[in-house]
Amino acid sequence: MNHPQRYLRRLAICASVLLVPTAGLAQSPGPSRVQGAPSGNVDVRFKLPHAIEIAEREGRGKAISAVFTPFASGGGALEATVMRPDKTVVKYRVDANNGAVVNVSEQAIESYVSSIDPAALAGVRLSMVQAVAAVEGQAGAGAVVGAEVESKDGGLAYQVSVLKGGETKTFSVTPDGKVAAD
């Protein structure tokens, strides 16, 4: 499948999620939907922390999900979604090869399926970039391909996915920085 066909397929999937709200309820924006390139190659110039930092700075909010989508032909795209205190969700798409923002979309939280309370998110001291760094320290040579914030045990925690040896492994990171493999 060439790049334009892949783009049109993704556009059709996104449109179907928007047109049929119940279909989008089961899909998480984070690590669970990440699929590696057939070669498993995630060697790109810019990584998820770069996209997260751009999104948090330009979006004036806290990251709630980030995902790396590799292209079979090499390279890939980074997506980082932030939630603002005003309950607006902003998604940034960043080229993983040159670090440039290629797309920004904004929507009210009511149209974005989320169990995350903006006030609770604002109170989390550990950033998503710090959670990713903590997992990278434990995962060794793996590449972080996804991260998201989720409600867990009455609080918020990060879920970080790492691709290593063609397999994806998920780690939980508590707000105090403790890492555990799921």
C-alpha atoms as a PDB file:
ATOM      1  CA  MET A   1       0.000   0.000   0.000  1.00  0.00           C
ATOM      2  CA  ASN A   2       1.569   3.312  -1.024  1.00  0.00           C
ATOM      3  CA  HIS A   3       1.568   6.499   1.055  1.00  0.00           C
ATOM      4  CA  PRO A   4      -1.542   8.166  -0.539  1.00  0.00           C
ATOM      5  CA  GLN A   5      -3.560   4.943  -0.172  1.00  0.00           C
ATOM      6  CA  ARG A   6      -2.506   4.601   3.457  1.00  0.00           C
ATOM      7  CA  TYR A   7      -3.426   8.237   4.110  1.00  0.00           C
ATOM      8  CA  LEU A   8      -6.866   7.796   2.535  1.00  0.00           C
ATOM      9  CA  ARG A   9      -7.443   4.593   4.512  1.00  0.00           C
ATOM     10  CA  ARG A  10      -6.560   6.340   7.783  1.00  0.00           C
ATOM     11  CA  LEU A  11      -8.755   9.294   6.838  1.00  0.00           C
ATOM     12  CA  ALA A  12     -11.674   6.933   6.201  1.00  0.00           C
ATOM     13  CA  ILE A  13     -11.120   5.224   9.562  1.00  0.00           C
ATOM     14  CA  CYS A  14     -11.016   8.580  11.366  1.00  0.00           C
ATOM     15  CA  ALA A  15     -14.185   9.712   9.606  1.00  0.00           C
ATOM     16  CA  SER A  16     -15.993   6.513  10.570  1.00  0.00           C
ATOM     17  CA  VAL A  17     -15.014   7.012  14.221  1.00  0.00           C
ATOM     18  CA  LEU A  18     -16.357  10.565  14.129  1.00  0.00           C
ATOM     19  CA  LEU A  19     -19.570   9.565  12.360  1.00  0.00           C
ATOM     20  CA  VAL A  20     -20.273   6.555  14.573  1.00  0.00           C
ATOM     21  CA  PRO A  21     -19.459   7.649  18.144  1.00  0.00           C
ATOM     22  CA  THR A  22     -19.971   4.205  19.671  1.00  0.00           C
ATOM     23  CA  ALA A  23     -17.312   2.724  17.385  1.00  0.00           C
ATOM     24  CA  GLY A  24     -14.750   5.151  18.790  1.00  0.00           C
ATOM     25  CA  LEU A  25     -15.493   4.332  22.424  1.00  0.00           C
ATOM     26  CA  ALA A  26     -13.505   1.118  22.438  1.00  0.00           C
ATOM     27  CA  GLN A  27     -10.417   2.559  20.748  1.00  0.00           C
ATOM     28  CA  SER A  28      -7.788   4.072  22.981  1.00  0.00           C
ATOM     29  CA  PRO A  29      -5.660   6.868  21.547  1.00  0.00           C
ATOM     30  CA  GLY A  30      -2.517   5.449  23.086  1.00  0.00           C
ATOM     31  CA  PRO A  31      -0.198   2.475  23.062  1.00  0.00           C
ATOM     32  CA  SER A  32      -2.744  -0.275  22.531  1.00  0.00           C
ATOM     33  CA  ARG A  33      -3.271   0.697  18.898  1.00  0.00           C
ATOM     34  CA  VAL A  34       0.405   1.002  17.976  1.00  0.00           C
ATOM     35  CA  GLN A  35       1.585  -1.345  15.246  1.00  0.00           C
ATOM     36  CA  GLY A  36       5.246  -1.535  14.301  1.00  0.00           C
ATOM     37  CA  ALA A  37       6.477  -1.378  10.735  1.00  0.00           C
ATOM     38  CA  PRO A  38       6.950  -4.815   9.164  1.00  0.00           C
ATOM     39  CA  SER A  39      10.692  -4.492   9.702  1.00  0.00           C
ATOM     40  CA  GLY A  40      10.231  -3.266  13.265  1.00  0.00           C
ATOM     41  CA  ASN A  41      12.437  -0.299  12.332  1.00  0.00           C
ATOM     42  CA  VAL A  42      11.770   2.666  14.583  1.00  0.00           C
ATOM     43  CA  ASP A  43      15.078   4.387  13.862  1.00  0.00           C
ATOM     44  CA  VAL A  44      14.077   8.000  13.318  1.00  0.00           C
ATOM     45  CA  ARG A  45      15.722  11.300  14.135  1.00  0.00           C
ATOM     46  CA  PHE A  46      13.011  12.581  16.499  1.00  0.00           C
ATOM     47  CA  LYS A  47      11.363  10.493  19.222  1.00  0.00           C
ATOM     48  CA  LEU A  48       8.154  10.770  21.263  1.00  0.00           C
ATOM     49  CA  PRO A  49       9.552  13.142  23.916  1.00  0.00           C
ATOM     50  CA  HIS A  50      10.149  15.738  21.167  1.00  0.00           C
ATOM     51  CA  ALA A  51       6.507  15.613  20.044  1.00  0.00           C
ATOM     52  CA  ILE A  52       5.262  15.675  23.649  1.00  0.00           C
ATOM     53  CA  GLU A  53       7.340  18.752  24.452  1.00  0.00           C
ATOM     54  CA  ILE A  54       6.073  20.575  21.334  1.00  0.00           C
ATOM     55  CA  ALA A  55       2.461  19.680  22.084  1.00  0.00           C
ATOM     56  CA  GLU A  56       2.635  20.721  25.745  1.00  0.00           C
ATOM     57  CA  ARG A  57       4.407  23.981  24.929  1.00  0.00           C
ATOM     58  CA  GLU A  58       2.285  25.033  21.945  1.00  0.00           C
ATOM     59  CA  GLY A  59      -0.932  23.477  23.235  1.00  0.00           C
ATOM     60  CA  ARG A  60      -0.581  25.028  26.696  1.00  0.00           C
ATOM     61  CA  GLY A  61      -1.708  21.821  28.374  1.00  0.00           C
ATOM     62  CA  LYS A  62      -0.553  18.420  29.618  1.00  0.00           C
ATOM     63  CA  ALA A  63       0.000  15.430  27.363  1.00  0.00           C
ATOM     64  CA  ILE A  64      -2.579  12.664  27.695  1.00  0.00           C
ATOM     65  CA  SER A  65      -1.354  10.438  24.860  1.00  0.00           C
ATOM     66  CA  ALA A  66       1.482  10.112  22.401  1.00  0.00           C
ATOM     67  CA  VAL A  67       2.089   7.555  19.714  1.00  0.00           C
ATOM     68  CA  PHE A  68       4.732   6.762  17.108  1.00  0.00           C
ATOM     69  CA  THR A  69       3.464   5.348  13.827  1.00  0.00           C
ATOM     70  CA  PRO A  70       6.288   3.927  11.713  1.00  0.00           C
ATOM     71  CA  PHE A  71       6.043   3.904   7.940  1.00  0.00           C
ATOM     72  CA  ALA A  72       6.934   0.663   6.163  1.00  0.00           C
ATOM     73  CA  SER A  73       9.229   2.662   3.867  1.00  0.00           C
ATOM     74  CA  GLY A  74      11.104   4.140   6.845  1.00  0.00           C
ATOM     75  CA  GLY A  75      10.563   7.146   9.071  1.00  0.00           C
ATOM     76  CA  GLY A  76       7.235   7.778  10.683  1.00  0.00           C
ATOM     77  CA  ALA A  77       4.896  10.188  12.380  1.00  0.00           C
ATOM     78  CA  LEU A  78       4.597  11.215  16.019  1.00  0.00           C
ATOM     79  CA  GLU A  79       1.247  12.236  17.488  1.00  0.00           C
ATOM     80  CA  ALA A  80       0.895  13.904  20.859  1.00  0.00           C
ATOM     81  CA  THR A  81      -2.442  14.913  22.370  1.00  0.00           C
ATOM     82  CA  VAL A  82      -2.717  17.485  25.149  1.00  0.00           C
ATOM     83  CA  MET A  83      -5.596  18.467  27.394  1.00  0.00           C
ATOM     84  CA  ARG A  84      -5.915  22.110  28.335  1.00  0.00           C
ATOM     85  CA  PRO A  85      -7.424  23.326  31.623  1.00  0.00           C
ATOM     86  CA  ASP A  86     -10.382  24.724  29.602  1.00  0.00           C
ATOM     87  CA  LYS A  87     -11.320  21.143  28.602  1.00  0.00           C
ATOM     88  CA  THR A  88     -10.049  21.471  25.044  1.00  0.00           C
ATOM     89  CA  VAL A  89      -8.084  18.607  23.536  1.00  0.00           C
ATOM     90  CA  VAL A  90      -5.405  19.420  20.936  1.00  0.00           C
ATOM     91  CA  LYS A  91      -3.611  16.817  18.811  1.00  0.00           C
ATOM     92  CA  TYR A  92      -0.222  17.565  17.231  1.00  0.00           C
ATOM     93  CA  ARG A  93       1.211  15.452  14.415  1.00  0.00           C
ATOM     94  CA  VAL A  94       4.999  15.776  14.062  1.00  0.00           C
ATOM     95  CA  ASP A  95       7.251  14.408  11.304  1.00  0.00           C
ATOM     96  CA  ALA A  96       9.638  11.959  13.012  1.00  0.00           C
ATOM     97  CA  ASN A  97      12.364  12.627  10.444  1.00  0.00           C
ATOM     98  CA  ASN A  98      12.571  16.430  10.577  1.00  0.00           C
ATOM     99  CA  GLY A  99      10.709  17.344  13.804  1.00  0.00           C
ATOM    100  CA  ALA A 100       8.281  19.713  12.064  1.00  0.00           C
ATOM    101  CA  VAL A 101       4.637  20.018  13.106  1.00  0.00           C
ATOM    102  CA  VAL A 102       2.592  18.858  10.110  1.00  0.00           C
ATOM    103  CA  ASN A 103      -0.926  19.033  11.540  1.00  0.00           C
ATOM    104  CA  VAL A 104      -2.809  20.433  14.527  1.00  0.00           C
ATOM    105  CA  SER A 105      -6.420  19.597  15.362  1.00  0.00           C
ATOM    106  CA  GLU A 106      -8.498  20.877  18.261  1.00  0.00           C
ATOM    107  CA  GLN A 107     -11.789  19.704  19.756  1.00  0.00           C
ATOM    108  CA  ALA A 108     -13.868  20.118  22.884  1.00  0.00           C
ATOM    109  CA  ILE A 109     -13.425  17.377  25.467  1.00  0.00           C
ATOM    110  CA  GLU A 110     -17.088  16.402  25.126  1.00  0.00           C
ATOM    111  CA  SER A 111     -16.323  15.060  21.650  1.00  0.00           C
ATOM    112  CA  TYR A 112     -13.165  13.291  22.842  1.00  0.00           C
ATOM    113  CA  VAL A 113     -13.660  10.077  24.756  1.00  0.00           C
ATOM    114  CA  SER A 114     -11.705  10.537  27.983  1.00  0.00           C
ATOM    115  CA  SER A 115     -12.015   9.500  31.608  1.00  0.00           C
ATOM    116  CA  ILE A 116      -9.331  11.987  32.592  1.00  0.00           C
ATOM    117  CA  ASP A 117     -10.343  14.929  34.742  1.00  0.00           C
ATOM    118  CA  PRO A 118      -8.481  18.103  33.640  1.00  0.00           C
ATOM    119  CA  ALA A 119      -8.120  19.211  37.286  1.00  0.00           C
ATOM    120  CA  ALA A 120      -6.581  15.862  38.273  1.00  0.00           C
ATOM    121  CA  LEU A 121      -4.256  16.049  35.278  1.00  0.00           C
ATOM    122  CA  ALA A 122      -3.102  19.525  36.275  1.00  0.00           C
ATOM    123  CA  GLY A 123      -2.147  18.153  39.700  1.00  0.00           C
ATOM    124  CA  VAL A 124       0.143  15.418  38.339  1.00  0.00           C
ATOM    125  CA  ARG A 125       3.762  16.461  38.949  1.00  0.00           C
ATOM    126  CA  LEU A 126       5.417  13.776  36.817  1.00  0.00           C
ATOM    127  CA  SER A 127       5.310  14.736  33.140  1.00  0.00           C
ATOM    128  CA  MET A 128       4.798  12.293  30.299  1.00  0.00           C
ATOM    129  CA  VAL A 129       8.351  13.028  29.115  1.00  0.00           C
ATOM    130  CA  GLN A 130       9.648  12.034  32.576  1.00  0.00           C
ATOM    131  CA  ALA A 131       7.547   8.843  32.509  1.00  0.00           C
ATOM    132  CA  VAL A 132       8.939   7.952  29.075  1.00  0.00           C
ATOM    133  CA  ALA A 133      12.496   8.596  30.316  1.00  0.00           C
ATOM    134  CA  ALA A 134      11.908   6.369  33.360  1.00  0.00           C
ATOM    135  CA  VAL A 135      10.737   3.510  31.130  1.00  0.00           C
ATOM    136  CA  GLU A 136      13.614   4.031  28.668  1.00  0.00           C
ATOM    137  CA  GLY A 137      15.990   3.621  31.607  1.00  0.00           C
ATOM    138  CA  GLN A 138      14.516   0.206  32.406  1.00  0.00           C
ATOM    139  CA  ALA A 139      13.626  -1.034  28.911  1.00  0.00           C
ATOM    140  CA  GLY A 140      17.197  -0.891  27.612  1.00  0.00           C
ATOM    141  CA  ALA A 141      17.520  -0.932  23.829  1.00  0.00           C
ATOM    142  CA  GLY A 142      13.786  -0.798  23.104  1.00  0.00           C
ATOM    143  CA  ALA A 143      12.094   2.134  21.386  1.00  0.00           C
ATOM    144  CA  VAL A 144       9.155   3.887  23.061  1.00  0.00           C
ATOM    145  CA  VAL A 145       6.274   3.811  20.582  1.00  0.00           C
ATOM    146  CA  GLY A 146       3.370   4.981  22.740  1.00  0.00           C
ATOM    147  CA  ALA A 147       2.374   6.614  25.991  1.00  0.00           C
ATOM    148  CA  GLU A 148      -0.891   7.660  27.576  1.00  0.00           C
ATOM    149  CA  VAL A 149      -2.398   8.830  30.833  1.00  0.00           C
ATOM    150  CA  GLU A 150      -5.132   6.680  32.315  1.00  0.00           C
ATOM    151  CA  SER A 151      -7.239   6.570  35.439  1.00  0.00           C
ATOM    152  CA  LYS A 152      -5.940   3.884  37.761  1.00  0.00           C
ATOM    153  CA  ASP A 153      -6.848   3.071  41.373  1.00  0.00           C
ATOM    154  CA  GLY A 154      -8.523   6.448  41.914  1.00  0.00           C
ATOM    155  CA  GLY A 155      -5.590   8.396  40.472  1.00  0.00           C
ATOM    156  CA  LEU A 156      -3.726   8.872  37.225  1.00  0.00           C
ATOM    157  CA  ALA A 157      -0.851   6.772  35.884  1.00  0.00           C
ATOM    158  CA  TYR A 158       1.090   6.554  32.647  1.00  0.00           C
ATOM    159  CA  GLN A 159       1.083   3.546  30.327  1.00  0.00           C
ATOM    160  CA  VAL A 160       4.191   3.447  28.137  1.00  0.00           C
ATOM    161  CA  SER A 161       4.695   0.945  25.284  1.00  0.00           C
ATOM    162  CA  VAL A 162       8.133  -0.147  24.124  1.00  0.00           C
ATOM    163  CA  LEU A 163       8.979  -2.019  20.921  1.00  0.00           C
ATOM    164  CA  LYS A 164      11.922  -4.375  21.365  1.00  0.00           C
ATOM    165  CA  GLY A 165      12.827  -7.324  19.192  1.00  0.00           C
ATOM    166  CA  GLY A 166       9.588  -7.031  17.221  1.00  0.00           C
ATOM    167  CA  GLU A 167       7.419  -7.279  20.353  1.00  0.00           C
ATOM    168  CA  THR A 168       5.593  -4.529  22.212  1.00  0.00           C
ATOM    169  CA  LYS A 169       5.758  -4.487  26.000  1.00  0.00           C
ATOM    170  CA  THR A 170       3.734  -2.126  28.191  1.00  0.00           C
ATOM    171  CA  PHE A 171       4.907  -0.505  31.420  1.00  0.00           C
ATOM    172  CA  SER A 172       2.949   1.399  34.077  1.00  0.00           C
ATOM    173  CA  VAL A 173       4.486   4.485  35.638  1.00  0.00           C
ATOM    174  CA  THR A 174       2.977   5.863  38.847  1.00  0.00           C
ATOM    175  CA  PRO A 175       2.847   9.616  39.538  1.00  0.00           C
ATOM    176  CA  ASP A 176       5.883   9.210  41.819  1.00  0.00           C
ATOM    177  CA  GLY A 177       7.928   7.645  38.977  1.00  0.00           C
ATOM    178  CA  LYS A 178       7.831   3.949  39.919  1.00  0.00           C
ATOM    179  CA  VAL A 179       7.945   1.700  36.827  1.00  0.00           C
ATOM    180  CA  ALA A 180       6.357  -1.743  36.615  1.00  0.00           C
ATOM    181  CA  ALA A 181       5.966  -4.065  33.623  1.00  0.00           C
ATOM    182  CA  ASP A 182       2.339  -4.918  32.854  1.00  0.00           C
END
